[in-house]
Amino acid sequence: MSESNNEKHKILIVGGGAAGLELATTLGNKLGKAGLAEINLIDASSTHIWKPLLHEVAAGTLDETEQVDYLAQAYRSHFRFRLGKMAGLSREKKEVYLSPTYSDSGEELIPERTFKYDTLVMAVGSISNTFNIKGVAEHCMFLDTTSQAFKFQKQLVETYIKRHVSKGGSKDKPLSIAIVGAGATGVELSAELHEVTHLLNVYGLDQAGDVKITIIEAATQLLPALPTKLAHATQQQLVKLNIDLKLGRRVTEVSKDGITTHDGEFIPADLKVWAAGIKAPDWLQQIDGLETNRINQLVVNDVLQTVDPSIFAIGDCAASSWPGHEQNVPPRAQAAHQQASTVAKSIVNHLQGKDPVKFVYHDYGSLVSLGKYSTVGNLMGNLMGSVTIGGFIARIVYLSLYKMHQVAIHGYFRTAMLTLSNLFRRSAHAKIKMH
């Protein structure tokens, strides 16, 4: 089944994360609305949630209105959304192949499809890197996608309730949650889970003393992306929350009952979350003729093109060099936002017979939210250098990063209305999701 055969310039974006959705929205409003191009966005999910918020989804504290429906967004922004998962690519024919889409019961809903493109943008994001450690894939949960985050949240609540009503010895034993990885995801998740376990008593369940949260990290410091001073401040806050920190412990095996570290310690855990590193999807290595690095990212030049000039890569799946630094541009939401803006300009230029725009990454610092307890980070700029911030100011800046993403896909007015709506909803709805 082949689609999209008209003569308009065909722009195909694979992946509806922060980078892909922002790009589709921008191009739809600039080119699709004027009839200058046909823009198609492909994603395996029907809704979008900003990835840095997935730890709130996992904890059940994120308002459901924060989800963006792709079909509704496509209608408003003059692009087309295609539900499906990429199964292959022919660079010679300039075609992308989608595998069939099935219902939960196994019934085929959408058959195989083929989409032609003139410009292809790969924005498929990243997944957890298990480093081939024994038992990780079988026994750990991941927070790479919205569906995984919802799955963890459901299992968390069900496990907690089951232990609470148990008549056996398990009720007297704390529910143990182990998080492997002390980067932003692991640290933010631990604080959010601590708050959630305190909120569960609203529903007649016991206080959070019945939950033990442990973070396991191979490095000797939390949050390697942040300065040492901020990492230590975060560590002190987590200690105050009675979160057990196992630093300098490299995981060697994960089993059904717990986690084993390189020094032989066994850490019991009922729920195990893996947040210890990322890589691009493995199947990117199988695309003929495109260069990938050791973590499967597509290698791109200074205008974010792969070796094939008709194929761009942006977001976590792109290996973009960072002049003046040993490492590539880091896989952060701010990088995805900047890359989407750059590629949008390059594609518009291409249709006008102009040269593509070079990508220059501006690092605005790092911020980590510990929920209601604290927010820490460092801001970077040409005028002020590197500035350490914390508390209320850091929280406001952290929230502004998400508002930038919302503005990119909704515009200023709609973002303001959504913000007001959520404030009213939170005053009338439960603070955590129980279903």
Protein backbone atom coordinates (compact mmCIF):
# COMPACT_ATOMS: atom_id res chain seq x y z
CA MET A 1 0.00 0.00 0.00
CA SER A 2 1.64 3.24 -1.11
CA GLU A 3 0.60 6.75 -0.12
CA SER A 4 1.51 10.33 -0.97
CA ASN A 5 1.87 10.53 -4.75
CA ASN A 6 1.19 14.21 -5.53
CA GLU A 7 3.81 16.62 -6.85
CA LYS A 8 4.33 18.68 -3.71
CA HIS A 9 7.70 18.45 -1.97
CA LYS A 10 7.30 15.50 0.41
CA ILE A 11 8.74 15.94 3.90
CA LEU A 12 8.65 12.83 6.08
CA ILE A 13 9.48 13.04 9.80
CA VAL A 14 9.94 9.77 11.69
CA GLY A 15 9.48 10.21 15.43
CA GLY A 16 7.09 12.50 17.30
CA GLY A 17 9.23 13.42 20.30
CA ALA A 18 10.23 16.97 21.20
CA ALA A 19 12.34 17.42 18.06
CA GLY A 20 10.02 15.68 15.59
CA LEU A 21 6.78 17.26 16.80
CA GLU A 22 8.24 20.77 16.96
CA LEU A 23 9.65 20.36 13.44
CA ALA A 24 6.36 19.04 12.02
CA THR A 25 4.45 21.90 13.65
CA THR A 26 6.83 24.57 12.37
CA LEU A 27 6.93 23.20 8.83
CA GLY A 28 3.19 22.64 8.78
CA ASN A 29 2.50 26.25 9.69
CA LYS A 30 5.13 27.62 7.29
CA LEU A 31 4.85 25.26 4.32
CA GLY A 32 1.83 23.00 4.74
CA LYS A 33 -0.64 25.84 5.33
CA ALA A 34 0.53 27.60 2.16
CA GLY A 35 0.39 24.39 0.11
CA LEU A 36 4.14 24.49 -0.57
CA ALA A 37 4.89 21.02 0.83
CA GLU A 38 3.29 17.87 2.16
CA ILE A 39 4.44 17.09 5.71
CA ASN A 40 3.88 13.68 7.29
CA LEU A 41 4.79 12.79 10.89
CA ILE A 42 5.15 9.11 11.82
CA ASP A 43 5.03 7.76 15.37
CA ALA A 44 4.10 4.46 16.98
CA SER A 45 2.05 6.21 19.69
CA SER A 46 -1.07 8.32 19.27
CA THR A 47 -0.10 10.91 21.91
CA HIS A 48 2.98 12.91 22.85
CA ILE A 49 4.39 13.75 26.28
CA TRP A 50 7.57 15.79 26.70
CA LYS A 51 10.19 13.17 27.60
CA PRO A 52 11.66 15.02 30.62
CA LEU A 53 8.20 14.64 32.21
CA LEU A 54 8.07 10.84 31.93
CA HIS A 55 9.24 10.43 35.52
CA GLU A 56 6.03 12.26 36.56
CA VAL A 57 3.99 9.90 34.37
CA ALA A 58 5.70 6.95 36.06
CA ALA A 59 4.89 8.35 39.49
CA GLY A 60 1.30 9.14 38.50
CA THR A 61 1.56 12.86 39.29
CA LEU A 62 1.42 14.30 35.77
CA ASP A 63 -1.87 15.84 34.71
CA GLU A 64 -3.32 13.89 31.77
CA THR A 65 -4.03 17.15 29.94
CA GLU A 66 -0.27 17.51 29.38
CA GLN A 67 -0.60 14.86 26.66
CA VAL A 68 -0.73 16.14 23.09
CA ASP A 69 -2.92 14.21 20.66
CA TYR A 70 -1.00 13.90 17.39
CA LEU A 71 -4.11 13.92 15.20
CA ALA A 72 -5.44 17.10 16.81
CA GLN A 73 -2.04 18.77 16.59
CA ALA A 74 -1.72 17.76 12.93
CA TYR A 75 -5.13 19.23 12.13
CA ARG A 76 -4.30 22.53 13.81
CA SER A 77 -0.82 22.80 12.30
CA HIS A 78 -1.41 21.66 8.71
CA PHE A 79 0.56 18.40 8.64
CA ARG A 80 -0.59 14.78 8.56
CA PHE A 81 -0.04 12.24 11.31
CA ARG A 82 0.56 8.57 10.48
CA LEU A 83 0.31 5.99 13.25
CA GLY A 84 2.89 3.26 12.77
CA LYS A 85 6.39 1.98 13.31
CA MET A 86 9.17 2.31 10.75
CA ALA A 87 10.21 -1.09 9.41
CA GLY A 88 12.64 -0.19 6.62
CA LEU A 89 14.06 2.41 4.27
CA SER A 90 15.04 2.44 0.60
CA ARG A 91 17.36 5.35 -0.08
CA GLU A 92 17.40 4.50 -3.79
CA LYS A 93 13.61 4.70 -4.11
CA LYS A 94 13.30 7.35 -1.38
CA GLU A 95 10.70 5.29 0.44
CA VAL A 96 10.01 4.51 4.10
CA TYR A 97 8.17 1.32 5.03
CA LEU A 98 5.84 1.02 8.01
CA SER A 99 4.98 -2.29 9.64
CA PRO A 100 1.33 -3.21 10.28
CA THR A 101 -0.38 -1.80 13.36
CA TYR A 102 -2.23 -4.27 15.61
CA SER A 103 -4.80 -3.93 18.38
CA ASP A 104 -4.19 -5.28 21.90
CA SER A 105 -6.03 -8.44 20.87
CA GLY A 106 -3.74 -8.99 17.88
CA GLU A 107 -6.13 -7.83 15.17
CA GLU A 108 -4.52 -5.94 12.30
CA LEU A 109 -5.82 -2.37 12.34
CA ILE A 110 -3.59 -0.75 9.72
CA PRO A 111 -1.76 -2.74 6.99
CA GLU A 112 1.81 -2.26 5.84
CA ARG A 113 2.34 1.10 4.14
CA THR A 114 4.96 2.82 2.01
CA PHE A 115 5.63 6.56 2.12
CA LYS A 116 7.72 8.40 -0.42
CA TYR A 117 9.86 11.37 0.55
CA ASP A 118 11.95 14.12 -0.94
CA THR A 119 13.31 15.10 2.47
CA LEU A 120 13.46 12.62 5.35
CA VAL A 121 14.10 13.63 8.96
CA MET A 122 14.97 10.92 11.48
CA ALA A 123 13.90 11.97 14.96
CA VAL A 124 13.39 8.58 16.60
CA GLY A 125 14.91 9.52 19.96
CA SER A 126 16.73 7.11 22.24
CA ILE A 127 16.21 4.03 24.38
CA SER A 128 17.88 2.75 27.52
CA ASN A 129 21.33 1.23 27.15
CA THR A 130 21.47 -2.01 29.11
CA PHE A 131 25.19 -2.53 28.31
CA ASN A 132 24.32 -6.23 27.85
CA ILE A 133 24.21 -6.74 31.62
CA LYS A 134 22.62 -10.04 32.56
CA GLY A 135 18.96 -9.83 33.58
CA VAL A 136 18.39 -6.12 32.89
CA ALA A 137 16.09 -6.58 29.90
CA GLU A 138 14.10 -9.32 31.65
CA HIS A 139 13.66 -7.83 35.12
CA CYS A 140 13.94 -4.04 34.87
CA MET A 141 11.37 -1.48 33.81
CA PHE A 142 12.31 1.41 31.55
CA LEU A 143 11.07 4.98 31.04
CA ASP A 144 11.88 5.45 27.36
CA THR A 145 8.29 5.85 26.18
CA THR A 146 4.95 7.04 27.51
CA SER A 147 3.56 3.49 27.48
CA GLN A 148 6.48 2.24 29.58
CA ALA A 149 5.98 5.06 32.07
CA PHE A 150 2.25 4.28 32.37
CA LYS A 151 3.07 0.59 32.81
CA PHE A 152 5.44 1.37 35.67
CA GLN A 153 2.89 3.66 37.34
CA LYS A 154 0.21 0.98 37.18
CA GLN A 155 2.54 -1.68 38.58
CA LEU A 156 3.67 0.68 41.35
CA VAL A 157 0.14 1.33 42.60
CA GLU A 158 -0.97 -2.30 42.25
CA THR A 159 2.10 -3.59 44.10
CA TYR A 160 1.66 -1.04 46.88
CA ILE A 161 -2.04 -1.84 47.36
CA LYS A 162 -1.39 -5.58 47.23
CA ARG A 163 1.19 -5.29 49.99
CA HIS A 164 -1.07 -3.08 52.09
CA VAL A 165 -3.98 -5.52 52.15
CA SER A 166 -1.80 -8.63 52.39
CA LYS A 167 -2.45 -10.79 55.43
CA GLY A 168 0.94 -12.44 55.19
CA GLY A 169 4.41 -11.30 56.13
CA SER A 170 4.87 -9.15 53.04
CA LYS A 171 2.87 -6.34 54.63
CA ASP A 172 5.53 -5.94 57.32
CA LYS A 173 8.33 -5.83 54.75
CA PRO A 174 8.90 -2.45 53.03
CA LEU A 175 8.11 -2.18 49.34
CA SER A 176 11.56 -1.78 47.81
CA ILE A 177 12.20 0.26 44.65
CA ALA A 178 15.67 0.29 43.11
CA ILE A 179 16.64 2.86 40.46
CA VAL A 180 19.83 2.16 38.53
CA GLY A 181 21.40 5.38 37.31
CA ALA A 182 21.85 8.72 39.10
CA GLY A 183 21.42 11.02 36.15
CA ALA A 184 18.54 13.46 35.90
CA THR A 185 15.93 10.75 35.21
CA GLY A 186 16.92 8.56 38.15
CA VAL A 187 17.24 11.42 40.63
CA GLU A 188 14.00 13.14 39.59
CA LEU A 189 12.11 9.84 39.65
CA SER A 190 13.32 9.03 43.17
CA ALA A 191 12.10 12.36 44.56
CA GLU A 192 8.77 12.07 42.75
CA LEU A 193 8.24 8.53 44.06
CA HIS A 194 9.01 9.70 47.59
CA GLU A 195 6.27 12.32 47.33
CA VAL A 196 3.81 9.83 45.84
CA THR A 197 4.24 7.28 48.61
CA HIS A 198 3.35 10.00 51.12
CA LEU A 199 0.25 10.92 49.11
CA LEU A 200 -1.01 7.33 49.06
CA ASN A 201 -2.29 7.65 52.61
CA VAL A 202 -4.99 9.96 51.18
CA TYR A 203 -6.56 6.78 49.81
CA GLY A 204 -6.48 5.00 53.16
CA LEU A 205 -3.09 3.40 52.67
CA ASP A 206 -0.23 3.51 55.13
CA GLN A 207 2.44 6.20 55.33
CA ALA A 208 5.55 6.13 53.15
CA GLY A 209 7.65 4.46 55.83
CA ASP A 210 6.63 1.22 54.16
CA VAL A 211 8.60 2.11 51.00
CA LYS A 212 12.36 1.95 50.58
CA ILE A 213 13.88 3.77 47.58
CA THR A 214 17.46 3.07 46.52
CA ILE A 215 19.56 4.69 43.79
CA ILE A 216 22.48 2.66 42.42
CA GLU A 217 25.18 4.51 40.46
CA ALA A 218 28.51 3.33 39.04
CA ALA A 219 30.08 6.78 39.37
CA THR A 220 31.05 8.20 42.75
CA GLN A 221 28.94 11.34 42.18
CA LEU A 222 25.30 12.01 41.44
CA LEU A 223 24.38 13.97 38.31
CA PRO A 224 27.66 13.98 36.35
CA ALA A 225 26.26 16.70 34.04
CA LEU A 226 26.15 19.16 36.94
CA PRO A 227 29.02 20.82 38.83
CA THR A 228 30.24 19.01 41.95
CA LYS A 229 28.76 21.66 44.26
CA LEU A 230 25.26 21.13 42.85
CA ALA A 231 25.63 17.36 42.84
CA HIS A 232 26.49 17.45 46.54
CA ALA A 233 23.53 19.74 47.27
CA THR A 234 21.24 17.28 45.50
CA GLN A 235 22.78 14.38 47.39
CA GLN A 236 22.10 16.08 50.72
CA GLN A 237 18.48 16.66 49.75
CA LEU A 238 18.00 12.99 48.79
CA VAL A 239 19.54 11.88 52.07
CA LYS A 240 17.01 14.06 53.90
CA LEU A 241 14.28 12.18 52.02
CA ASN A 242 15.72 8.88 53.31
CA ILE A 243 16.61 7.75 49.81
CA ASP A 244 19.43 5.21 50.03
CA LEU A 245 22.37 6.10 47.75
CA LYS A 246 24.69 3.36 46.53
CA LEU A 247 27.42 5.32 44.73
CA GLY A 248 30.47 3.76 43.12
CA ARG A 249 28.53 0.51 42.64
CA ARG A 250 28.53 -1.03 39.19
CA VAL A 251 25.63 -3.40 38.48
CA THR A 252 26.74 -6.83 37.30
CA GLU A 253 23.43 -8.73 37.32
CA VAL A 254 19.70 -8.20 37.84
CA SER A 255 17.38 -10.96 39.00
CA LYS A 256 13.71 -11.22 39.90
CA ASP A 257 14.46 -10.53 43.55
CA GLY A 258 17.07 -7.80 43.28
CA ILE A 259 20.31 -6.37 41.96
CA THR A 260 23.91 -7.52 42.40
CA THR A 261 26.82 -5.05 42.27
CA HIS A 262 30.47 -5.56 41.35
CA ASP A 263 31.54 -5.80 45.00
CA GLY A 264 29.16 -8.70 45.61
CA GLU A 265 26.42 -6.77 47.44
CA PHE A 266 22.85 -7.91 46.75
CA ILE A 267 20.18 -5.20 46.93
CA PRO A 268 16.65 -6.61 47.23
CA ALA A 269 14.06 -4.84 45.06
CA ASP A 270 10.41 -5.46 44.26
CA LEU A 271 10.42 -2.86 41.45
CA LYS A 272 13.56 -2.20 39.43
CA VAL A 273 13.97 0.81 37.08
CA TRP A 274 16.87 1.10 34.63
CA ALA A 275 17.98 4.67 33.92
CA ALA A 276 21.72 4.16 33.54
CA GLY A 277 22.42 5.37 30.01
CA ILE A 278 20.95 5.77 26.55
CA LYS A 279 21.54 4.67 22.99
CA ALA A 280 19.71 5.18 19.72
CA PRO A 281 17.54 2.25 18.54
CA ASP A 282 19.57 -0.73 17.31
CA TRP A 283 17.80 -0.88 13.95
CA LEU A 284 19.42 2.38 12.84
CA GLN A 285 22.61 0.36 12.27
CA GLN A 286 20.78 -1.66 9.64
CA ILE A 287 20.01 1.28 7.34
CA ASP A 288 22.23 0.71 4.35
CA GLY A 289 24.86 3.38 3.73
CA LEU A 290 24.18 5.61 6.76
CA GLU A 291 27.01 5.99 9.27
CA THR A 292 26.32 5.31 12.95
CA ASN A 293 28.48 5.56 16.07
CA ARG A 294 28.98 3.07 18.93
CA ILE A 295 25.59 3.92 20.49
CA ASN A 296 23.74 3.66 17.16
CA GLN A 297 23.33 7.40 16.60
CA LEU A 298 23.29 8.63 13.01
CA VAL A 299 26.42 10.67 12.31
CA VAL A 300 25.53 14.09 10.88
CA ASN A 301 27.48 17.04 9.50
CA ASP A 302 27.31 20.69 10.59
CA VAL A 303 23.89 21.17 8.97
CA LEU A 304 22.52 17.96 10.57
CA GLN A 305 22.53 15.96 7.33
CA THR A 306 23.66 12.34 7.18
CA VAL A 307 25.92 11.14 4.36
CA ASP A 308 22.73 11.22 2.28
CA PRO A 309 21.91 14.94 1.86
CA SER A 310 18.19 14.20 1.63
CA ILE A 311 18.19 12.64 5.11
CA PHE A 312 18.54 14.71 8.30
CA ALA A 313 18.80 13.42 11.87
CA ILE A 314 17.87 15.43 14.97
CA GLY A 315 17.38 14.82 18.69
CA ASP A 316 18.81 11.95 20.68
CA CYS A 317 19.33 9.75 17.59
CA ALA A 318 21.78 12.25 16.02
CA ALA A 319 25.55 12.30 16.62
CA SER A 320 26.32 15.98 16.11
CA SER A 321 29.84 17.23 16.84
CA TRP A 322 30.23 19.98 19.44
CA PRO A 323 33.17 22.23 18.47
CA GLY A 324 35.49 22.88 21.39
CA HIS A 325 34.32 19.79 23.29
CA GLU A 326 35.46 16.17 23.28
CA GLN A 327 31.91 14.82 23.32
CA ASN A 328 29.06 15.32 20.87
CA VAL A 329 26.09 17.59 21.51
CA PRO A 330 24.43 16.08 24.61
CA PRO A 331 21.04 14.32 24.29
CA ARG A 332 18.98 17.00 26.02
CA ALA A 333 15.59 18.57 25.35
CA GLN A 334 17.23 21.95 24.67
CA ALA A 335 19.41 20.37 21.95
CA ALA A 336 16.36 18.76 20.33
CA HIS A 337 14.56 22.11 20.35
CA GLN A 338 17.50 23.93 18.75
CA GLN A 339 18.05 21.21 16.12
CA ALA A 340 14.38 21.22 15.12
CA SER A 341 14.52 24.99 14.62
CA THR A 342 17.70 24.73 12.53
CA VAL A 343 16.41 21.97 10.25
CA ALA A 344 13.12 23.81 9.76
CA LYS A 345 15.06 26.82 8.45
CA SER A 346 17.21 24.58 6.23
CA ILE A 347 14.20 22.89 4.63
CA VAL A 348 12.48 26.22 3.98
CA ASN A 349 15.76 27.49 2.48
CA HIS A 350 16.00 24.41 0.26
CA LEU A 351 12.58 25.06 -1.25
CA GLN A 352 13.68 28.62 -1.92
CA GLY A 353 16.94 27.54 -3.56
CA LYS A 354 19.08 28.69 -0.63
CA ASP A 355 21.82 26.95 1.36
CA PRO A 356 21.05 24.98 4.55
CA VAL A 357 21.66 26.56 7.97
CA LYS A 358 24.63 25.44 10.08
CA PHE A 359 23.71 24.10 13.50
CA VAL A 360 25.37 25.84 16.45
CA TYR A 361 24.51 24.39 19.86
CA HIS A 362 24.00 26.87 22.69
CA ASP A 363 24.31 25.22 26.09
CA TYR A 364 22.00 26.99 28.52
CA GLY A 365 22.97 24.78 31.44
CA SER A 366 21.35 21.90 33.30
CA LEU A 367 18.48 21.78 35.73
CA VAL A 368 17.19 18.95 37.93
CA SER A 369 13.83 19.04 39.71
CA LEU A 370 13.25 17.16 42.95
CA GLY A 371 9.52 17.73 42.77
CA LYS A 372 8.14 19.97 45.52
CA TYR A 373 11.32 19.56 47.56
CA SER A 374 13.90 21.46 45.53
CA THR A 375 15.26 22.38 42.10
CA VAL A 376 18.96 22.86 41.41
CA GLY A 377 21.00 23.66 38.34
CA ASN A 378 23.43 25.89 36.55
CA LEU A 379 22.67 28.46 33.88
CA MET A 380 25.17 29.35 31.20
CA GLY A 381 25.34 32.39 28.95
CA ASN A 382 27.76 34.66 27.12
CA LEU A 383 27.32 37.52 29.56
CA MET A 384 27.24 35.74 32.89
CA GLY A 385 29.32 32.62 32.28
CA SER A 386 28.17 29.78 34.51
CA VAL A 387 25.80 30.65 37.36
CA THR A 388 24.62 28.25 40.05
CA ILE A 389 20.95 28.55 40.97
CA GLY A 390 18.60 26.77 43.30
CA GLY A 391 15.23 26.91 45.00
CA PHE A 392 12.37 29.00 43.63
CA ILE A 393 14.36 30.66 40.82
CA ALA A 394 15.65 27.31 39.58
CA ARG A 395 12.12 25.90 39.68
CA ILE A 396 10.80 28.77 37.57
CA VAL A 397 13.59 28.31 35.01
CA TYR A 398 12.96 24.55 34.94
CA LEU A 399 9.28 25.09 34.22
CA SER A 400 10.12 27.68 31.56
CA LEU A 401 11.99 25.02 29.55
CA TYR A 402 8.76 23.04 29.26
CA LYS A 403 6.81 26.19 28.42
CA MET A 404 9.25 26.82 25.54
CA HIS A 405 8.36 23.39 24.18
CA GLN A 406 4.65 24.09 24.58
CA VAL A 407 4.96 27.45 22.83
CA ALA A 408 6.77 25.75 19.93
CA ILE A 409 3.83 23.40 19.33
CA HIS A 410 0.85 25.43 20.61
CA GLY A 411 1.81 29.10 20.34
CA TYR A 412 1.76 31.64 23.18
CA PHE A 413 -2.00 32.08 23.58
CA ARG A 414 -2.88 28.37 23.68
CA THR A 415 0.03 27.67 26.07
CA ALA A 416 -1.27 30.37 28.42
CA MET A 417 -4.78 28.91 28.32
CA LEU A 418 -3.48 25.38 28.96
CA THR A 419 -1.44 26.62 31.92
CA LEU A 420 -4.48 28.32 33.48
CA SER A 421 -6.64 25.27 32.82
CA ASN A 422 -4.16 22.98 34.55
CA LEU A 423 -3.99 25.25 37.59
CA PHE A 424 -7.78 24.99 38.01
CA ARG A 425 -7.79 21.24 37.38
CA ARG A 426 -5.16 20.58 40.04
CA SER A 427 -7.29 22.33 42.64
CA ALA A 428 -10.17 19.93 41.97
CA HIS A 429 -8.49 16.64 41.05
CA ALA A 430 -6.43 14.07 42.94
CA LYS A 431 -2.69 14.70 43.07
CA ILE A 432 -1.86 11.17 41.96
CA LYS A 433 -3.35 8.76 39.46
CA MET A 434 -4.68 5.54 40.95
CA HIS A 435 -5.77 3.70 37.78
